[in-house]
Amino acid sequence: MWAYSRTVVRRRVLVHLLGGRTLDGVLWRSQGPLLVLRDTKLIEAGRIVPVDGEVIVERSRIEFIQALP
């Protein structure tokens, strides 16, 4: 199911999480059940908040991913 995530490594993506939050970042690495994002911003209720460091997301918390051009 998640084999496609390798095709978007090192690309900017929108990661839509269960619960309505969205992460905008560069998918840096896909490792087992985890995705690692860099240069990330949290989008929630119309607000955009920069996030410092790497963000690690469990795949089970992801609703869907959009690969940006």
PDB file of N, CA and C in Angstrom:
ATOM      1  N   MET A   1       0.809  -1.198   0.000  1.00  0.00           N
ATOM      2  CA  MET A   1       0.000   0.000   0.000  1.00  0.00           C
ATOM      3  C   MET A   1       0.856   1.268   0.000  1.00  0.00           C
ATOM      4  N   TRP A   2       1.976   1.263   0.672  1.00  0.00           N
ATOM      5  CA  TRP A   2       2.776   2.471   0.820  1.00  0.00           C
ATOM      6  C   TRP A   2       4.005   2.485  -0.076  1.00  0.00           C
ATOM      7  N   ALA A   3       4.090   1.599  -1.038  1.00  0.00           N
ATOM      8  CA  ALA A   3       5.255   1.570  -1.923  1.00  0.00           C
ATOM      9  C   ALA A   3       5.393   2.870  -2.700  1.00  0.00           C
ATOM     10  N   TYR A   4       4.266   3.534  -2.991  1.00  0.00           N
ATOM     11  CA  TYR A   4       4.339   4.783  -3.751  1.00  0.00           C
ATOM     12  C   TYR A   4       5.073   5.870  -2.996  1.00  0.00           C
ATOM     13  N   SER A   5       5.139   5.788  -1.658  1.00  0.00           N
ATOM     14  CA  SER A   5       5.793   6.856  -0.895  1.00  0.00           C
ATOM     15  C   SER A   5       7.270   6.976  -1.277  1.00  0.00           C
ATOM     16  N   ARG A   6       7.872   5.907  -1.782  1.00  0.00           N
ATOM     17  CA  ARG A   6       9.268   5.981  -2.231  1.00  0.00           C
ATOM     18  C   ARG A   6       9.406   6.879  -3.456  1.00  0.00           C
ATOM     19  N   THR A   7       8.348   6.967  -4.270  1.00  0.00           N
ATOM     20  CA  THR A   7       8.423   7.778  -5.489  1.00  0.00           C
ATOM     21  C   THR A   7       8.361   9.269  -5.201  1.00  0.00           C
ATOM     22  N   VAL A   8       7.915   9.655  -4.024  1.00  0.00           N
ATOM     23  CA  VAL A   8       7.816  11.079  -3.694  1.00  0.00           C
ATOM     24  C   VAL A   8       8.856  11.508  -2.653  1.00  0.00           C
ATOM     25  N   VAL A   9       9.810  10.634  -2.346  1.00  0.00           N
ATOM     26  CA  VAL A   9      10.875  11.014  -1.424  1.00  0.00           C
ATOM     27  C   VAL A   9      11.658  12.173  -2.022  1.00  0.00           C
ATOM     28  N   ARG A  10      11.957  13.146  -1.184  1.00  0.00           N
ATOM     29  CA  ARG A  10      12.666  14.379  -1.529  1.00  0.00           C
ATOM     30  C   ARG A  10      11.805  15.325  -2.359  1.00  0.00           C
ATOM     31  N   ARG A  11      10.487  15.157  -2.282  1.00  0.00           N
ATOM     32  CA  ARG A  11       9.549  16.080  -2.926  1.00  0.00           C
ATOM     33  C   ARG A  11       8.663  16.715  -1.870  1.00  0.00           C
ATOM     34  N   ARG A  12       8.130  17.887  -2.178  1.00  0.00           N
ATOM     35  CA  ARG A  12       7.198  18.549  -1.262  1.00  0.00           C
ATOM     36  C   ARG A  12       5.851  17.843  -1.345  1.00  0.00           C
ATOM     37  N   VAL A  13       5.277  17.558  -0.179  1.00  0.00           N
ATOM     38  CA  VAL A  13       4.006  16.855  -0.100  1.00  0.00           C
ATOM     39  C   VAL A  13       3.099  17.533   0.928  1.00  0.00           C
ATOM     40  N   LEU A  14       1.815  17.281   0.794  1.00  0.00           N
ATOM     41  CA  LEU A  14       0.842  17.608   1.823  1.00  0.00           C
ATOM     42  C   LEU A  14       0.411  16.293   2.440  1.00  0.00           C
ATOM     43  N   VAL A  15       0.606  16.146   3.739  1.00  0.00           N
ATOM     44  CA  VAL A  15       0.223  14.932   4.451  1.00  0.00           C
ATOM     45  C   VAL A  15      -1.023  15.270   5.266  1.00  0.00           C
ATOM     46  N   HIS A  16      -2.154  14.718   4.873  1.00  0.00           N
ATOM     47  CA  HIS A  16      -3.425  14.958   5.547  1.00  0.00           C
ATOM     48  C   HIS A  16      -3.590  13.889   6.626  1.00  0.00           C
ATOM     49  N   LEU A  17      -3.676  14.343   7.869  1.00  0.00           N
ATOM     50  CA  LEU A  17      -3.753  13.431   9.000  1.00  0.00           C
ATOM     51  C   LEU A  17      -5.202  13.177   9.401  1.00  0.00           C
ATOM     52  N   LEU A  18      -5.440  12.034  10.020  1.00  0.00           N
ATOM     53  CA  LEU A  18      -6.747  11.772  10.605  1.00  0.00           C
ATOM     54  C   LEU A  18      -6.987  12.847  11.663  1.00  0.00           C
ATOM     55  N   GLY A  19      -8.151  13.419  11.712  1.00  0.00           N
ATOM     56  CA  GLY A  19      -8.435  14.474  12.671  1.00  0.00           C
ATOM     57  C   GLY A  19      -8.410  15.860  12.069  1.00  0.00           C
ATOM     58  N   GLY A  20      -8.029  15.988  10.774  1.00  0.00           N
ATOM     59  CA  GLY A  20      -8.159  17.257  10.093  1.00  0.00           C
ATOM     60  C   GLY A  20      -6.928  18.124   9.979  1.00  0.00           C
ATOM     61  N   ARG A  21      -5.826  17.766  10.592  1.00  0.00           N
ATOM     62  CA  ARG A  21      -4.605  18.557  10.437  1.00  0.00           C
ATOM     63  C   ARG A  21      -3.891  18.163   9.150  1.00  0.00           C
ATOM     64  N   THR A  22      -3.094  19.121   8.627  1.00  0.00           N
ATOM     65  CA  THR A  22      -2.306  18.862   7.423  1.00  0.00           C
ATOM     66  C   THR A  22      -0.887  19.333   7.651  1.00  0.00           C
ATOM     67  N   LEU A  23       0.068  18.542   7.189  1.00  0.00           N
ATOM     68  CA  LEU A  23       1.477  18.909   7.237  1.00  0.00           C
ATOM     69  C   LEU A  23       1.950  19.177   5.819  1.00  0.00           C
ATOM     70  N   ASP A  24       2.620  20.315   5.629  1.00  0.00           N
ATOM     71  CA  ASP A  24       3.208  20.679   4.346  1.00  0.00           C
ATOM     72  C   ASP A  24       4.716  20.601   4.544  1.00  0.00           C
ATOM     73  N   GLY A  25       5.368  19.665   3.864  1.00  0.00           N
ATOM     74  CA  GLY A  25       6.806  19.526   4.052  1.00  0.00           C
ATOM     75  C   GLY A  25       7.449  18.691   2.967  1.00  0.00           C
ATOM     76  N   VAL A  26       8.755  18.536   3.078  1.00  0.00           N
ATOM     77  CA  VAL A  26       9.516  17.702   2.155  1.00  0.00           C
ATOM     78  C   VAL A  26       9.611  16.309   2.758  1.00  0.00           C
ATOM     79  N   LEU A  27       9.102  15.315   2.022  1.00  0.00           N
ATOM     80  CA  LEU A  27       9.207  13.931   2.496  1.00  0.00           C
ATOM     81  C   LEU A  27      10.662  13.516   2.361  1.00  0.00           C
ATOM     82  N   TRP A  28      11.352  13.471   3.470  1.00  0.00           N
ATOM     83  CA  TRP A  28      12.787  13.241   3.468  1.00  0.00           C
ATOM     84  C   TRP A  28      13.114  11.758   3.430  1.00  0.00           C
ATOM     85  N   ARG A  29      12.339  10.972   4.185  1.00  0.00           N
ATOM     86  CA  ARG A  29      12.651   9.545   4.269  1.00  0.00           C
ATOM     87  C   ARG A  29      11.381   8.770   4.605  1.00  0.00           C
ATOM     88  N   SER A  30      11.285   7.589   4.048  1.00  0.00           N
ATOM     89  CA  SER A  30      10.206   6.658   4.342  1.00  0.00           C
ATOM     90  C   SER A  30      10.863   5.406   4.912  1.00  0.00           C
ATOM     91  N   GLN A  31      10.563   5.107   6.173  1.00  0.00           N
ATOM     92  CA  GLN A  31      11.247   3.988   6.833  1.00  0.00           C
ATOM     93  C   GLN A  31      10.252   3.187   7.653  1.00  0.00           C
ATOM     94  N   GLY A  32       9.942   1.979   7.176  1.00  0.00           N
ATOM     95  CA  GLY A  32       8.989   1.133   7.888  1.00  0.00           C
ATOM     96  C   GLY A  32       7.661   1.851   8.064  1.00  0.00           C
ATOM     97  N   PRO A  33       7.141   1.917   9.294  1.00  0.00           N
ATOM     98  CA  PRO A  33       5.843   2.558   9.533  1.00  0.00           C
ATOM     99  C   PRO A  33       5.932   4.080   9.706  1.00  0.00           C
ATOM    100  N   LEU A  34       7.091   4.668   9.427  1.00  0.00           N
ATOM    101  CA  LEU A  34       7.293   6.088   9.683  1.00  0.00           C
ATOM    102  C   LEU A  34       7.654   6.859   8.417  1.00  0.00           C
ATOM    103  N   LEU A  35       7.191   8.120   8.370  1.00  0.00           N
ATOM    104  CA  LEU A  35       7.623   9.067   7.352  1.00  0.00           C
ATOM    105  C   LEU A  35       8.339  10.202   8.067  1.00  0.00           C
ATOM    106  N   VAL A  36       9.431  10.674   7.500  1.00  0.00           N
ATOM    107  CA  VAL A  36      10.183  11.776   8.077  1.00  0.00           C
ATOM    108  C   VAL A  36      10.058  12.970   7.141  1.00  0.00           C
ATOM    109  N   LEU A  37       9.576  14.096   7.681  1.00  0.00           N
ATOM    110  CA  LEU A  37       9.400  15.324   6.912  1.00  0.00           C
ATOM    111  C   LEU A  37      10.378  16.381   7.395  1.00  0.00           C
ATOM    112  N   ARG A  38      10.854  17.206   6.483  1.00  0.00           N
ATOM    113  CA  ARG A  38      11.698  18.360   6.811  1.00  0.00           C
ATOM    114  C   ARG A  38      11.066  19.608   6.215  1.00  0.00           C
ATOM    115  N   ASP A  39      11.512  20.772   6.711  1.00  0.00           N
ATOM    116  CA  ASP A  39      10.986  22.060   6.250  1.00  0.00           C
ATOM    117  C   ASP A  39       9.462  22.033   6.295  1.00  0.00           C
ATOM    118  N   THR A  40       8.938  21.706   7.481  1.00  0.00           N
ATOM    119  CA  THR A  40       7.518  21.415   7.648  1.00  0.00           C
ATOM    120  C   THR A  40       6.738  22.591   8.220  1.00  0.00           C
ATOM    121  N   LYS A  41       5.486  22.691   7.751  1.00  0.00           N
ATOM    122  CA  LYS A  41       4.538  23.653   8.299  1.00  0.00           C
ATOM    123  C   LYS A  41       3.269  22.894   8.654  1.00  0.00           C
ATOM    124  N   LEU A  42       2.670  23.232   9.805  1.00  0.00           N
ATOM    125  CA  LEU A  42       1.405  22.656  10.226  1.00  0.00           C
ATOM    126  C   LEU A  42       0.289  23.571   9.766  1.00  0.00           C
ATOM    127  N   ILE A  43      -0.699  23.013   9.077  1.00  0.00           N
ATOM    128  CA  ILE A  43      -1.852  23.772   8.611  1.00  0.00           C
ATOM    129  C   ILE A  43      -3.063  23.252   9.377  1.00  0.00           C
ATOM    130  N   GLU A  44      -3.685  24.171  10.134  1.00  0.00           N
ATOM    131  CA  GLU A  44      -4.838  23.768  10.940  1.00  0.00           C
ATOM    132  C   GLU A  44      -5.776  24.965  11.081  1.00  0.00           C
ATOM    133  N   ALA A  45      -7.030  24.765  10.739  1.00  0.00           N
ATOM    134  CA  ALA A  45      -8.059  25.805  10.855  1.00  0.00           C
ATOM    135  C   ALA A  45      -7.631  27.105  10.176  1.00  0.00           C
ATOM    136  N   GLY A  46      -7.006  26.995   9.003  1.00  0.00           N
ATOM    137  CA  GLY A  46      -6.618  28.165   8.246  1.00  0.00           C
ATOM    138  C   GLY A  46      -5.340  28.844   8.707  1.00  0.00           C
ATOM    139  N   ARG A  47      -4.728  28.343   9.772  1.00  0.00           N
ATOM    140  CA  ARG A  47      -3.462  28.909  10.264  1.00  0.00           C
ATOM    141  C   ARG A  47      -2.308  28.060   9.752  1.00  0.00           C
ATOM    142  N   ILE A  48      -1.178  28.723   9.465  1.00  0.00           N
ATOM    143  CA  ILE A  48       0.035  28.023   9.039  1.00  0.00           C
ATOM    144  C   ILE A  48       1.105  28.303  10.082  1.00  0.00           C
ATOM    145  N   VAL A  49       1.614  27.230  10.700  1.00  0.00           N
ATOM    146  CA  VAL A  49       2.604  27.354  11.772  1.00  0.00           C
ATOM    147  C   VAL A  49       3.866  26.589  11.377  1.00  0.00           C
ATOM    148  N   PRO A  50       5.020  27.271  11.275  1.00  0.00           N
ATOM    149  CA  PRO A  50       6.272  26.565  10.972  1.00  0.00           C
ATOM    150  C   PRO A  50       6.647  25.612  12.116  1.00  0.00           C
ATOM    151  N   VAL A  51       7.226  24.485  11.745  1.00  0.00           N
ATOM    152  CA  VAL A  51       7.645  23.485  12.730  1.00  0.00           C
ATOM    153  C   VAL A  51       9.158  23.313  12.619  1.00  0.00           C
ATOM    154  N   ASP A  52       9.859  23.411  13.742  1.00  0.00           N
ATOM    155  CA  ASP A  52      11.314  23.260  13.746  1.00  0.00           C
ATOM    156  C   ASP A  52      11.711  21.783  13.701  1.00  0.00           C
ATOM    157  N   GLY A  53      12.845  21.504  13.082  1.00  0.00           N
ATOM    158  CA  GLY A  53      13.409  20.153  13.064  1.00  0.00           C
ATOM    159  C   GLY A  53      12.661  19.210  12.142  1.00  0.00           C
ATOM    160  N   GLU A  54      12.949  17.925  12.306  1.00  0.00           N
ATOM    161  CA  GLU A  54      12.277  16.892  11.525  1.00  0.00           C
ATOM    162  C   GLU A  54      10.972  16.504  12.199  1.00  0.00           C
ATOM    163  N   VAL A  55       9.988  16.169  11.386  1.00  0.00           N
ATOM    164  CA  VAL A  55       8.702  15.706  11.892  1.00  0.00           C
ATOM    165  C   VAL A  55       8.560  14.244  11.501  1.00  0.00           C
ATOM    166  N   ILE A  56       8.256  13.412  12.475  1.00  0.00           N
ATOM    167  CA  ILE A  56       8.096  11.976  12.234  1.00  0.00           C
ATOM    168  C   ILE A  56       6.617  11.642  12.371  1.00  0.00           C
ATOM    169  N   VAL A  57       6.065  11.019  11.333  1.00  0.00           N
ATOM    170  CA  VAL A  57       4.636  10.717  11.291  1.00  0.00           C
ATOM    171  C   VAL A  57       4.450   9.214  11.135  1.00  0.00           C
ATOM    172  N   GLU A  58       3.584   8.643  11.970  1.00  0.00           N
ATOM    173  CA  GLU A  58       3.236   7.228  11.824  1.00  0.00           C
ATOM    174  C   GLU A  58       2.241   7.090  10.672  1.00  0.00           C
ATOM    175  N   ARG A  59       2.470   6.140   9.810  1.00  0.00           N
ATOM    176  CA  ARG A  59       1.598   5.944   8.644  1.00  0.00           C
ATOM    177  C   ARG A  59       0.151   5.671   9.044  1.00  0.00           C
ATOM    178  N   SER A  60      -0.056   5.052  10.188  1.00  0.00           N
ATOM    179  CA  SER A  60      -1.417   4.738  10.626  1.00  0.00           C
ATOM    180  C   SER A  60      -2.219   5.999  10.937  1.00  0.00           C
ATOM    181  N   ARG A  61      -1.561   7.148  11.082  1.00  0.00           N
ATOM    182  CA  ARG A  61      -2.239   8.416  11.398  1.00  0.00           C
ATOM    183  C   ARG A  61      -2.527   9.252  10.145  1.00  0.00           C
ATOM    184  N   ILE A  62      -2.156   8.707   8.969  1.00  0.00           N
ATOM    185  CA  ILE A  62      -2.290   9.446   7.710  1.00  0.00           C
ATOM    186  C   ILE A  62      -3.572   9.039   6.999  1.00  0.00           C
ATOM    187  N   GLU A  63      -4.333  10.057   6.565  1.00  0.00           N
ATOM    188  CA  GLU A  63      -5.528   9.800   5.766  1.00  0.00           C
ATOM    189  C   GLU A  63      -5.137   9.673   4.286  1.00  0.00           C
ATOM    190  N   PHE A  64      -4.377  10.676   3.778  1.00  0.00           N
ATOM    191  CA  PHE A  64      -3.834  10.582   2.421  1.00  0.00           C
ATOM    192  C   PHE A  64      -2.715  11.587   2.248  1.00  0.00           C
ATOM    193  N   ILE A  65      -1.937  11.406   1.164  1.00  0.00           N
ATOM    194  CA  ILE A  65      -0.790  12.259   0.857  1.00  0.00           C
ATOM    195  C   ILE A  65      -0.976  12.834  -0.546  1.00  0.00           C
ATOM    196  N   GLN A  66      -0.688  14.137  -0.683  1.00  0.00           N
ATOM    197  CA  GLN A  66      -0.686  14.777  -2.007  1.00  0.00           C
ATOM    198  C   GLN A  66       0.756  15.134  -2.358  1.00  0.00           C
ATOM    199  N   ALA A  67       1.215  14.714  -3.531  1.00  0.00           N
ATOM    200  CA  ALA A  67       2.537  15.095  -4.031  1.00  0.00           C
ATOM    201  C   ALA A  67       2.360  16.373  -4.827  1.00  0.00           C
ATOM    202  N   LEU A  68       3.106  17.417  -4.455  1.00  0.00           N
ATOM    203  CA  LEU A  68       2.982  18.705  -5.123  1.00  0.00           C
ATOM    204  C   LEU A  68       3.948  18.793  -6.296  1.00  0.00           C
ATOM    205  N   PRO A  69       3.587  19.553  -7.335  1.00  0.00           N
ATOM    206  CA  PRO A  69       4.467  19.676  -8.497  1.00  0.00           C
ATOM    207  C   PRO A  69       5.731  20.457  -8.189  1.00  0.00           C
TER     208      PRO A  69
END
